[in-house]
Amino acid sequence: MTSTQASQYTWAGRFSEPVSDLVKRYTASVDFDQRMWRQDIRGSLAHARMLARQGIISPQDLADIERGMAQVWQEIESGQFEWSLDLEDVHLNIEKRLTALVGDAGKRLHTGRSRNDQVATDIRLYLRDAIDDILALLRDFQAAIVTLAEREAATPMPGFTHLQVAQPVTFGHHMLAYFEMFERDKERFVDCRKRTNRLPLGAAALAGTTYPIDREFVAAELGFDGVCLNSLDAVSDRDFAIEFCAACALFMTHISRLSEELVLWMSPRVGFIQIADRFCTGSSIMPQKKNPDVPELARGKTGRVYGHLTALLTLMKSQPLAYNKDNQEDKEPLFDAVDTVTDTLRIFADMMGGITVKSEGMVEALTQGFATATDLADYLVKKGLPFRDAHEAVGHAVKAAEQKGVDLSQLSLAELQAFCPQVDEDVFAVLTVEGSLASRNHIGGTAPEQVRAAAARARQRLG
């Protein structure tokens, strides 16, 4: 290996021949990990300040490093920075450019650290930033759901079990069910952030360093809650990334459930909603088509995120301590999970605001499934009938109405009394959709006033 070749690699002194081009392409990560350049520079600057504070490098070295890093930052941000595959990753690319700008001070920057703890720090910083962005976007998305729920707090729709009409609910109540799901997703991201926000830097390659470093100072500089307490664990584990992908997978599960309903509701056979044109596409052959591509694609992207979770779990399952090259494969699944969730939140927040509710379609569906049958059974129980007897009597009434092709509310008083003599004129108030909704007037219930109260509480939780 020539001196020129050796100068390209920080570890080249041990080797007698250059790395092949195929191996360089196979092992390099710069094409995808360069997105962590901001985090890498922030981490390096904090490390340099600590080294100067501890007397490990001189104040002049620190000044040179800060000056050089400012130029590197500007070059990358402006698109002038030249990324090199020969330098493997974002860390060596930045270090090489820094050294070219400031000389020996750049070479001293790596004192007391390894790429192992450097990359572990960068990825935690990156993920912490990503979680903060996701939480802000999730709040916007939830706010759009609450706005829709407020607007449709009293709009009746069928509630379903087994995709069969079950009982009346309101569209606002249905939307707030999703608010609760996404609220739990928010809690999971917040909780994941706590375990992500620990500083690995100072663990060096795996055993710590002989230099008199101050890890707590670096942690404070970078806004970490504390330091990783075991050097082997600090450089080798990626459970925080797995936990994040698990939170993403659950979030996408909820997105997929919502998407499935939006697709069903938009079908002309159901006709509950319209999605704004900007979120739909047409057909290349059928001019009448309006396809709900965004929710359909979100269902598909859910599987993509599930795959990233499985990939990371598989990546870690057989690794001995400490760091292994396997861990280079943690970034692409993690980055894509971040991108998928981020893009999904942005587009869904906008899409929810572009939903038009077609209340007439929902009312029509409520007349087809005997949605107030349970209300009639409850009515009979309040008249003194045991619930099982009331259930049976209403079942006979439903059968009779079905044979006549009418709703329960369209049966005459005499017909209803044939199934249960306790029925009186007041039964018809019970059999209306409005009466059914109003009767469920408790916290968590679907009465319109409870839905409005729940939406107000949701607003408060959003802050």
Protein backbone atom coordinates (compact mmCIF):
# COMPACT_ATOMS: atom_id res chain seq x y z
CA MET A 1 0.00 0.00 0.00
CA THR A 2 1.46 3.34 -1.00
CA SER A 3 1.58 6.35 1.31
CA THR A 4 -1.06 8.03 -0.87
CA GLN A 5 -3.38 5.07 -0.48
CA ALA A 6 -2.66 4.89 3.23
CA SER A 7 -3.58 8.55 3.70
CA GLN A 8 -7.15 7.80 2.60
CA TYR A 9 -7.80 5.48 5.52
CA THR A 10 -7.40 6.15 9.21
CA TRP A 11 -6.57 2.50 9.79
CA ALA A 12 -4.36 1.85 6.72
CA GLY A 13 -1.05 1.33 8.52
CA ARG A 14 -1.92 -2.26 9.41
CA PHE A 15 -2.66 -3.37 5.83
CA SER A 16 -0.43 -4.38 2.92
CA GLU A 17 -2.86 -3.96 0.03
CA PRO A 18 -5.65 -1.51 -0.77
CA VAL A 19 -9.32 -2.31 -0.37
CA SER A 20 -10.93 -3.42 -3.62
CA ASP A 21 -13.47 -1.19 -5.31
CA LEU A 22 -16.17 -3.81 -4.76
CA VAL A 23 -15.45 -3.97 -1.03
CA LYS A 24 -15.43 -0.17 -0.85
CA ARG A 25 -18.88 -0.03 -2.38
CA TYR A 26 -20.13 -2.89 -0.23
CA THR A 27 -18.90 -1.47 3.07
CA ALA A 28 -19.35 2.27 2.52
CA SER A 29 -22.26 4.04 4.15
CA VAL A 30 -21.69 7.65 3.10
CA ASP A 31 -24.48 7.53 0.52
CA PHE A 32 -27.07 7.23 3.27
CA ASP A 33 -25.43 8.29 6.55
CA GLN A 34 -24.45 11.72 5.23
CA ARG A 35 -27.87 12.88 6.39
CA MET A 36 -26.39 12.85 9.92
CA TRP A 37 -23.85 15.56 9.08
CA ARG A 38 -25.41 18.15 11.38
CA GLN A 39 -25.38 15.73 14.29
CA ASP A 40 -21.80 14.69 13.52
CA ILE A 41 -20.58 18.28 13.56
CA ARG A 42 -22.49 19.10 16.74
CA GLY A 43 -21.08 16.04 18.47
CA SER A 44 -17.54 16.77 17.31
CA LEU A 45 -17.71 20.37 18.50
CA ALA A 46 -18.93 19.30 21.93
CA HIS A 47 -16.15 16.72 22.09
CA ALA A 48 -13.55 19.32 21.07
CA ARG A 49 -14.75 21.77 23.72
CA MET A 50 -14.45 19.07 26.34
CA LEU A 51 -10.93 18.16 25.18
CA ALA A 52 -9.86 21.81 25.45
CA ARG A 53 -11.57 22.21 28.83
CA GLN A 54 -9.70 19.17 30.12
CA GLY A 55 -6.36 20.39 28.72
CA ILE A 56 -6.12 17.51 26.23
CA ILE A 57 -5.95 19.85 23.25
CA SER A 58 -4.94 23.51 23.25
CA PRO A 59 -7.28 26.52 23.07
CA GLN A 60 -5.79 27.26 19.64
CA ASP A 61 -6.66 23.75 18.45
CA LEU A 62 -10.24 24.30 19.62
CA ALA A 63 -10.43 27.66 17.84
CA ASP A 64 -9.13 26.08 14.64
CA ILE A 65 -11.59 23.19 14.89
CA GLU A 66 -14.53 25.54 15.46
CA ARG A 67 -13.45 27.72 12.53
CA GLY A 68 -13.00 24.73 10.26
CA MET A 69 -16.28 23.12 11.25
CA ALA A 70 -18.12 26.36 10.52
CA GLN A 71 -16.76 26.23 6.98
CA VAL A 72 -17.60 22.51 6.62
CA TRP A 73 -21.15 23.27 7.78
CA GLN A 74 -21.48 26.04 5.22
CA GLU A 75 -20.11 23.87 2.41
CA ILE A 76 -22.47 20.98 3.14
CA GLU A 77 -25.49 23.22 3.59
CA SER A 78 -24.81 25.01 0.31
CA GLY A 79 -24.20 21.77 -1.60
CA GLN A 80 -20.52 22.52 -2.27
CA PHE A 81 -19.14 19.69 -0.14
CA GLU A 82 -17.63 16.79 -2.08
CA TRP A 83 -18.58 13.44 -0.53
CA SER A 84 -16.11 10.64 -1.18
CA LEU A 85 -16.90 6.92 -1.27
CA ASP A 86 -13.24 6.24 -0.46
CA LEU A 87 -13.77 7.86 2.95
CA GLU A 88 -16.51 5.35 3.79
CA ASP A 89 -18.89 7.40 5.91
CA VAL A 90 -20.06 10.83 7.00
CA HIS A 91 -17.61 10.90 9.93
CA LEU A 92 -14.41 10.39 7.93
CA ASN A 93 -15.57 12.69 5.14
CA ILE A 94 -16.06 15.55 7.58
CA GLU A 95 -12.84 14.81 9.47
CA LYS A 96 -10.82 14.68 6.25
CA ARG A 97 -12.18 18.03 5.07
CA LEU A 98 -11.63 19.58 8.49
CA THR A 99 -8.01 18.42 8.48
CA ALA A 100 -7.52 19.87 5.01
CA LEU A 101 -8.80 23.20 6.30
CA VAL A 102 -7.05 23.46 9.69
CA GLY A 103 -4.20 20.95 9.62
CA ASP A 104 -3.05 19.16 12.77
CA ALA A 105 -5.90 20.50 14.89
CA GLY A 106 -8.26 18.45 12.75
CA LYS A 107 -6.16 15.35 13.37
CA ARG A 108 -6.35 15.91 17.13
CA LEU A 109 -10.15 16.03 17.14
CA HIS A 110 -10.46 12.25 17.31
CA THR A 111 -8.44 12.06 20.52
CA GLY A 112 -10.31 10.09 23.19
CA ARG A 113 -13.05 8.75 20.94
CA SER A 114 -13.68 6.04 18.36
CA ARG A 115 -15.97 5.89 15.37
CA ASN A 116 -17.92 3.37 17.45
CA ASP A 117 -18.99 5.85 20.11
CA GLN A 118 -19.06 8.67 17.55
CA VAL A 119 -21.63 6.97 15.34
CA ALA A 120 -23.65 5.82 18.35
CA THR A 121 -23.80 9.45 19.48
CA ASP A 122 -24.69 10.77 16.04
CA ILE A 123 -27.52 8.30 15.55
CA ARG A 124 -28.98 9.11 18.98
CA LEU A 125 -28.80 12.82 18.21
CA TYR A 126 -30.39 12.22 14.82
CA LEU A 127 -33.18 10.11 16.26
CA ARG A 128 -33.85 12.58 19.06
CA ASP A 129 -34.21 15.36 16.48
CA ALA A 130 -36.47 13.13 14.36
CA ILE A 131 -38.71 12.30 17.32
CA ASP A 132 -39.08 16.00 18.12
CA ASP A 133 -40.13 16.66 14.52
CA ILE A 134 -42.56 13.73 14.58
CA LEU A 135 -44.15 14.90 17.82
CA ALA A 136 -44.78 18.35 16.33
CA LEU A 137 -46.30 16.83 13.19
CA LEU A 138 -48.35 14.38 15.24
CA ARG A 139 -49.82 17.28 17.17
CA ASP A 140 -50.89 18.96 13.90
CA PHE A 141 -52.44 15.71 12.70
CA GLN A 142 -54.34 15.19 15.95
CA ALA A 143 -55.53 18.80 15.84
CA ALA A 144 -56.97 18.15 12.37
CA ILE A 145 -58.80 15.11 13.72
CA VAL A 146 -60.23 17.14 16.61
CA THR A 147 -61.39 19.88 14.23
CA LEU A 148 -63.24 17.30 12.15
CA ALA A 149 -64.73 15.74 15.29
CA GLU A 150 -65.95 19.13 16.52
CA ARG A 151 -67.56 19.86 13.19
CA GLU A 152 -69.34 16.49 13.06
CA ALA A 153 -70.00 16.01 16.78
CA ALA A 154 -73.74 15.43 16.20
CA THR A 155 -73.60 13.76 12.77
CA PRO A 156 -75.13 10.27 13.12
CA MET A 157 -73.43 7.30 11.52
CA PRO A 158 -73.59 3.55 12.02
CA GLY A 159 -71.16 2.02 14.43
CA PHE A 160 -70.03 -1.37 13.19
CA THR A 161 -68.92 -4.67 14.57
CA HIS A 162 -67.93 -7.41 12.11
CA LEU A 163 -68.60 -4.72 9.46
CA GLN A 164 -72.30 -5.10 10.27
CA VAL A 165 -74.42 -2.19 11.47
CA ALA A 166 -74.37 -2.34 15.26
CA GLN A 167 -75.49 0.87 17.02
CA PRO A 168 -75.68 4.56 16.17
CA VAL A 169 -72.65 6.70 16.96
CA THR A 170 -71.62 10.10 15.69
CA PHE A 171 -68.91 10.74 13.14
CA GLY A 172 -67.18 13.00 15.67
CA HIS A 173 -67.14 10.20 18.22
CA HIS A 174 -65.65 7.86 15.64
CA MET A 175 -62.90 10.35 14.82
CA LEU A 176 -62.03 10.82 18.47
CA ALA A 177 -61.38 7.08 18.73
CA TYR A 178 -58.46 7.67 16.38
CA PHE A 179 -57.37 10.67 18.41
CA GLU A 180 -56.97 8.33 21.39
CA MET A 181 -54.93 5.85 19.36
CA PHE A 182 -52.59 8.56 18.14
CA GLU A 183 -52.36 10.01 21.65
CA ARG A 184 -50.96 6.67 22.83
CA ASP A 185 -48.57 6.75 19.87
CA LYS A 186 -47.40 10.16 21.05
CA GLU A 187 -46.77 8.77 24.53
CA ARG A 188 -44.69 5.95 23.03
CA PHE A 189 -42.54 8.37 21.03
CA VAL A 190 -42.05 10.55 24.12
CA ASP A 191 -41.06 7.52 26.16
CA CYS A 192 -38.69 6.29 23.44
CA ARG A 193 -37.01 9.69 23.40
CA LYS A 194 -36.10 9.32 27.07
CA ARG A 195 -34.12 6.14 26.43
CA THR A 196 -32.61 7.54 23.25
CA ASN A 197 -31.35 10.64 25.04
CA ARG A 198 -28.26 9.09 26.68
CA LEU A 199 -24.71 9.94 25.61
CA PRO A 200 -22.48 7.09 24.33
CA LEU A 201 -19.49 9.35 23.60
CA GLY A 202 -16.60 8.52 25.90
CA ALA A 203 -17.06 4.78 25.54
CA ALA A 204 -14.48 4.96 22.72
CA ALA A 205 -14.11 1.66 20.86
CA LEU A 206 -15.57 -0.46 23.67
CA ALA A 207 -13.61 -0.02 26.92
CA GLY A 208 -13.53 3.71 27.53
CA THR A 209 -10.40 5.87 27.15
CA THR A 210 -7.22 6.62 29.08
CA TYR A 211 -7.66 10.38 28.61
CA PRO A 212 -9.16 12.44 31.47
CA ILE A 213 -12.43 13.15 29.69
CA ASP A 214 -15.58 14.71 31.16
CA ARG A 215 -18.55 12.84 29.72
CA GLU A 216 -21.10 14.75 31.79
CA PHE A 217 -19.89 18.03 30.27
CA VAL A 218 -20.39 16.66 26.75
CA ALA A 219 -23.82 15.33 27.70
CA ALA A 220 -24.85 18.78 28.95
CA GLU A 221 -23.44 20.46 25.84
CA LEU A 222 -25.52 18.21 23.59
CA GLY A 223 -28.68 18.25 25.69
CA PHE A 224 -28.53 14.60 26.76
CA ASP A 225 -30.24 13.61 30.00
CA GLY A 226 -27.18 11.62 31.07
CA VAL A 227 -24.49 9.22 29.90
CA CYS A 228 -24.62 5.54 28.96
CA LEU A 229 -23.26 3.84 32.05
CA ASN A 230 -21.45 0.90 30.45
CA SER A 231 -18.96 1.38 27.63
CA LEU A 232 -19.67 -2.00 26.02
CA ASP A 233 -23.40 -1.38 25.97
CA ALA A 234 -22.96 2.22 24.81
CA VAL A 235 -21.30 1.35 21.51
CA SER A 236 -23.01 -1.93 20.68
CA ASP A 237 -26.72 -1.73 21.36
CA ARG A 238 -29.41 -0.29 19.17
CA ASP A 239 -32.47 -1.03 21.27
CA PHE A 240 -33.46 2.64 21.15
CA ALA A 241 -33.69 2.36 17.35
CA ILE A 242 -35.70 -0.86 17.64
CA GLU A 243 -38.02 0.78 20.15
CA PHE A 244 -38.50 3.73 17.82
CA CYS A 245 -39.36 1.44 14.90
CA ALA A 246 -41.80 -0.43 17.15
CA ALA A 247 -43.50 2.88 17.97
CA CYS A 248 -43.54 3.68 14.25
CA ALA A 249 -45.06 0.28 13.47
CA LEU A 250 -47.89 0.84 15.96
CA PHE A 251 -48.45 4.34 14.62
CA MET A 252 -48.68 2.96 11.09
CA THR A 253 -51.07 0.25 12.30
CA HIS A 254 -53.42 3.01 13.42
CA ILE A 255 -52.86 4.92 10.18
CA SER A 256 -53.67 1.76 8.23
CA ARG A 257 -56.91 1.21 10.15
CA LEU A 258 -57.96 4.80 9.48
CA SER A 259 -56.93 4.43 5.85
CA GLU A 260 -59.02 1.30 5.41
CA GLU A 261 -62.08 3.10 6.71
CA LEU A 262 -61.48 6.14 4.51
CA VAL A 263 -61.22 3.88 1.46
CA LEU A 264 -64.41 2.03 2.39
CA TRP A 265 -66.32 5.20 3.26
CA MET A 266 -65.39 6.85 -0.03
CA SER A 267 -66.67 3.95 -2.12
CA PRO A 268 -69.95 4.88 -3.86
CA ARG A 269 -71.40 1.66 -2.40
CA VAL A 270 -70.97 3.24 1.04
CA GLY A 271 -70.90 6.95 0.30
CA PHE A 272 -70.03 8.33 3.74
CA ILE A 273 -67.30 10.81 2.75
CA GLN A 274 -65.46 12.50 -0.06
CA ILE A 275 -61.71 13.08 0.04
CA ALA A 276 -60.44 16.27 -1.59
CA ASP A 277 -59.27 15.86 -5.17
CA ARG A 278 -55.66 16.76 -4.38
CA PHE A 279 -55.29 13.48 -2.48
CA CYS A 280 -56.79 11.30 -5.20
CA THR A 281 -55.96 10.18 -8.72
CA GLY A 282 -57.92 9.09 -11.77
CA SER A 283 -57.74 6.13 -14.08
CA SER A 284 -55.84 5.87 -17.36
CA ILE A 285 -58.84 4.17 -18.97
CA MET A 286 -61.95 4.85 -16.84
CA PRO A 287 -62.75 8.58 -16.86
CA GLN A 288 -65.24 8.38 -14.00
CA LYS A 289 -62.73 7.09 -11.44
CA LYS A 290 -61.58 8.98 -8.36
CA ASN A 291 -59.18 6.74 -6.47
CA PRO A 292 -58.20 7.33 -2.81
CA ASP A 293 -54.51 6.75 -3.50
CA VAL A 294 -53.14 8.38 -0.35
CA PRO A 295 -54.88 6.13 2.19
CA GLU A 296 -54.31 3.11 -0.05
CA LEU A 297 -50.60 3.81 -0.24
CA ALA A 298 -50.45 4.41 3.52
CA ARG A 299 -51.81 0.89 4.04
CA GLY A 300 -48.98 -0.39 1.86
CA LYS A 301 -46.33 1.70 3.60
CA THR A 302 -47.43 0.19 6.90
CA GLY A 303 -45.94 -3.13 5.78
CA ARG A 304 -42.75 -1.31 4.85
CA VAL A 305 -42.36 -0.01 8.42
CA TYR A 306 -43.17 -3.44 9.86
CA GLY A 307 -40.30 -4.73 7.73
CA HIS A 308 -37.89 -2.17 9.18
CA LEU A 309 -38.78 -3.27 12.72
CA THR A 310 -38.21 -6.90 11.81
CA ALA A 311 -34.92 -6.02 10.10
CA LEU A 312 -33.55 -4.27 13.18
CA LEU A 313 -34.65 -7.04 15.53
CA THR A 314 -32.97 -9.59 13.27
CA LEU A 315 -29.87 -7.40 12.96
CA MET A 316 -29.33 -7.38 16.73
CA LYS A 317 -30.44 -10.84 17.72
CA SER A 318 -27.11 -12.71 17.40
CA GLN A 319 -24.49 -10.01 17.89
CA PRO A 320 -21.87 -10.63 20.55
CA LEU A 321 -20.52 -7.67 22.49
CA ALA A 322 -19.33 -5.18 21.55
CA TYR A 323 -19.54 -3.32 18.22
CA ASN A 324 -19.84 -5.28 14.97
CA LYS A 325 -19.97 -4.09 11.38
CA ASP A 326 -23.52 -5.51 11.23
CA ASN A 327 -24.63 -2.30 12.89
CA GLN A 328 -23.96 -0.31 9.75
CA GLU A 329 -27.22 -1.89 8.56
CA ASP A 330 -29.21 -0.13 11.28
CA LYS A 331 -29.37 3.21 9.51
CA GLU A 332 -31.30 2.63 6.28
CA PRO A 333 -34.29 0.95 8.02
CA LEU A 334 -34.25 3.63 10.71
CA PHE A 335 -33.96 6.52 8.24
CA ASP A 336 -36.74 5.14 6.05
CA ALA A 337 -39.02 4.64 9.06
CA VAL A 338 -38.42 8.28 10.00
CA ASP A 339 -39.13 9.44 6.44
CA THR A 340 -42.26 7.30 6.08
CA VAL A 341 -43.81 8.41 9.36
CA THR A 342 -42.86 12.05 8.78
CA ASP A 343 -44.30 12.16 5.26
CA THR A 344 -47.43 10.29 6.35
CA LEU A 345 -48.11 12.75 9.15
CA ARG A 346 -47.66 15.76 6.89
CA ILE A 347 -50.03 14.51 4.22
CA PHE A 348 -52.65 13.06 6.59
CA ALA A 349 -52.91 16.28 8.59
CA ASP A 350 -53.76 18.08 5.36
CA MET A 351 -56.00 15.29 4.06
CA MET A 352 -58.17 15.17 7.20
CA GLY A 353 -58.95 18.85 6.69
CA GLY A 354 -60.09 18.06 3.15
CA ILE A 355 -62.70 15.44 4.09
CA THR A 356 -66.34 16.20 3.30
CA VAL A 357 -68.83 14.17 5.32
CA LYS A 358 -71.93 12.97 3.44
CA SER A 359 -74.40 12.69 6.30
CA GLU A 360 -77.24 11.51 4.09
CA GLY A 361 -75.32 8.34 3.25
CA MET A 362 -74.77 7.63 6.92
CA VAL A 363 -78.43 8.17 7.80
CA GLU A 364 -79.45 5.85 4.98
CA ALA A 365 -77.10 3.15 6.31
CA LEU A 366 -78.62 3.50 9.77
CA THR A 367 -82.04 2.55 8.38
CA GLN A 368 -80.71 -0.68 6.94
CA GLY A 369 -79.27 -2.46 9.94
CA PHE A 370 -81.77 -2.08 12.81
CA ALA A 371 -79.23 0.05 14.66
CA THR A 372 -81.61 0.87 17.54
CA ALA A 373 -82.40 -2.78 18.40
CA THR A 374 -80.24 -2.62 21.53
CA ASP A 375 -82.06 0.54 22.58
CA LEU A 376 -85.36 -1.34 22.34
CA ALA A 377 -83.95 -4.15 24.48
CA ASP A 378 -82.75 -1.63 27.08
CA TYR A 379 -86.20 -0.01 26.99
CA LEU A 380 -87.84 -3.35 27.79
CA VAL A 381 -85.41 -3.99 30.65
CA LYS A 382 -86.35 -0.63 32.14
CA LYS A 383 -90.00 -1.76 31.89
CA GLY A 384 -89.14 -4.72 34.12
CA LEU A 385 -88.27 -7.48 31.63
CA PRO A 386 -85.11 -9.55 32.28
CA PHE A 387 -82.44 -8.69 29.69
CA ARG A 388 -82.33 -12.16 28.12
CA ASP A 389 -86.10 -12.11 27.64
CA ALA A 390 -85.88 -8.59 26.24
CA HIS A 391 -83.11 -9.69 23.87
CA GLU A 392 -85.28 -12.53 22.57
CA ALA A 393 -88.35 -10.34 22.15
CA VAL A 394 -86.40 -7.75 20.17
CA GLY A 395 -84.91 -10.51 18.02
CA HIS A 396 -88.45 -11.55 17.03
CA ALA A 397 -89.33 -7.92 16.33
CA VAL A 398 -86.25 -7.50 14.10
CA LYS A 399 -87.21 -10.63 12.17
CA ALA A 400 -90.72 -9.30 11.60
CA ALA A 401 -89.43 -5.89 10.47
CA GLU A 402 -86.95 -7.55 8.14
CA GLN A 403 -89.71 -9.63 6.56
CA LYS A 404 -91.79 -6.47 6.02
CA GLY A 405 -88.79 -4.54 4.69
CA VAL A 406 -89.10 -1.77 7.28
CA ASP A 407 -87.11 -0.39 10.19
CA LEU A 408 -88.09 -1.15 13.80
CA SER A 409 -89.34 2.40 14.19
CA GLN A 410 -91.79 1.77 11.33
CA LEU A 411 -93.56 -1.09 13.09
CA SER A 412 -96.88 -0.12 14.66
CA LEU A 413 -97.43 0.00 18.39
CA ALA A 414 -99.68 -3.03 18.14
CA GLU A 415 -97.03 -4.99 16.24
CA LEU A 416 -94.40 -4.17 18.85
CA GLN A 417 -96.78 -5.03 21.72
CA ALA A 418 -97.33 -8.46 20.14
CA PHE A 419 -93.73 -9.24 21.01
CA CYS A 420 -93.85 -7.65 24.44
CA PRO A 421 -96.96 -6.24 26.14
CA GLN A 422 -94.86 -3.78 28.20
CA VAL A 423 -94.26 -1.64 25.11
CA ASP A 424 -96.00 1.76 25.25
CA GLU A 425 -96.23 4.93 23.13
CA ASP A 426 -92.94 6.23 24.51
CA VAL A 427 -91.08 3.46 22.69
CA PHE A 428 -90.86 5.48 19.48
CA ALA A 429 -88.66 8.10 21.11
CA VAL A 430 -86.26 5.29 21.98
CA LEU A 431 -86.25 3.91 18.45
CA THR A 432 -85.04 7.13 16.81
CA VAL A 433 -81.37 7.58 16.03
CA GLU A 434 -81.36 10.91 17.85
CA GLY A 435 -82.84 9.31 20.95
CA SER A 436 -80.31 6.49 20.84
CA LEU A 437 -77.41 8.92 20.63
CA ALA A 438 -78.71 11.24 23.34
CA SER A 439 -79.23 8.35 25.77
CA ARG A 440 -75.51 7.53 25.88
CA ASN A 441 -74.73 10.63 27.86
CA HIS A 442 -71.67 9.72 29.93
CA ILE A 443 -67.90 10.16 29.64
CA GLY A 444 -66.76 8.14 26.66
CA GLY A 445 -70.30 7.92 25.29
CA THR A 446 -71.48 9.03 21.87
CA ALA A 447 -74.09 11.61 22.91
CA PRO A 448 -73.30 14.79 20.96
CA GLU A 449 -72.75 16.83 24.10
CA GLN A 450 -70.27 14.22 25.34
CA VAL A 451 -68.50 14.26 21.99
CA ARG A 452 -68.13 18.03 22.19
CA ALA A 453 -66.81 17.73 25.73
CA ALA A 454 -64.37 15.02 24.65
CA ALA A 455 -63.16 17.20 21.78
CA ALA A 456 -62.59 20.07 24.21
CA ARG A 457 -60.56 17.78 26.48
CA ALA A 458 -58.58 16.61 23.47
CA ARG A 459 -57.77 20.24 22.62
CA GLN A 460 -56.48 20.74 26.15
CA ARG A 461 -54.30 17.64 25.89
CA LEU A 462 -52.76 18.98 22.70
CA GLY A 463 -51.67 22.05 24.65
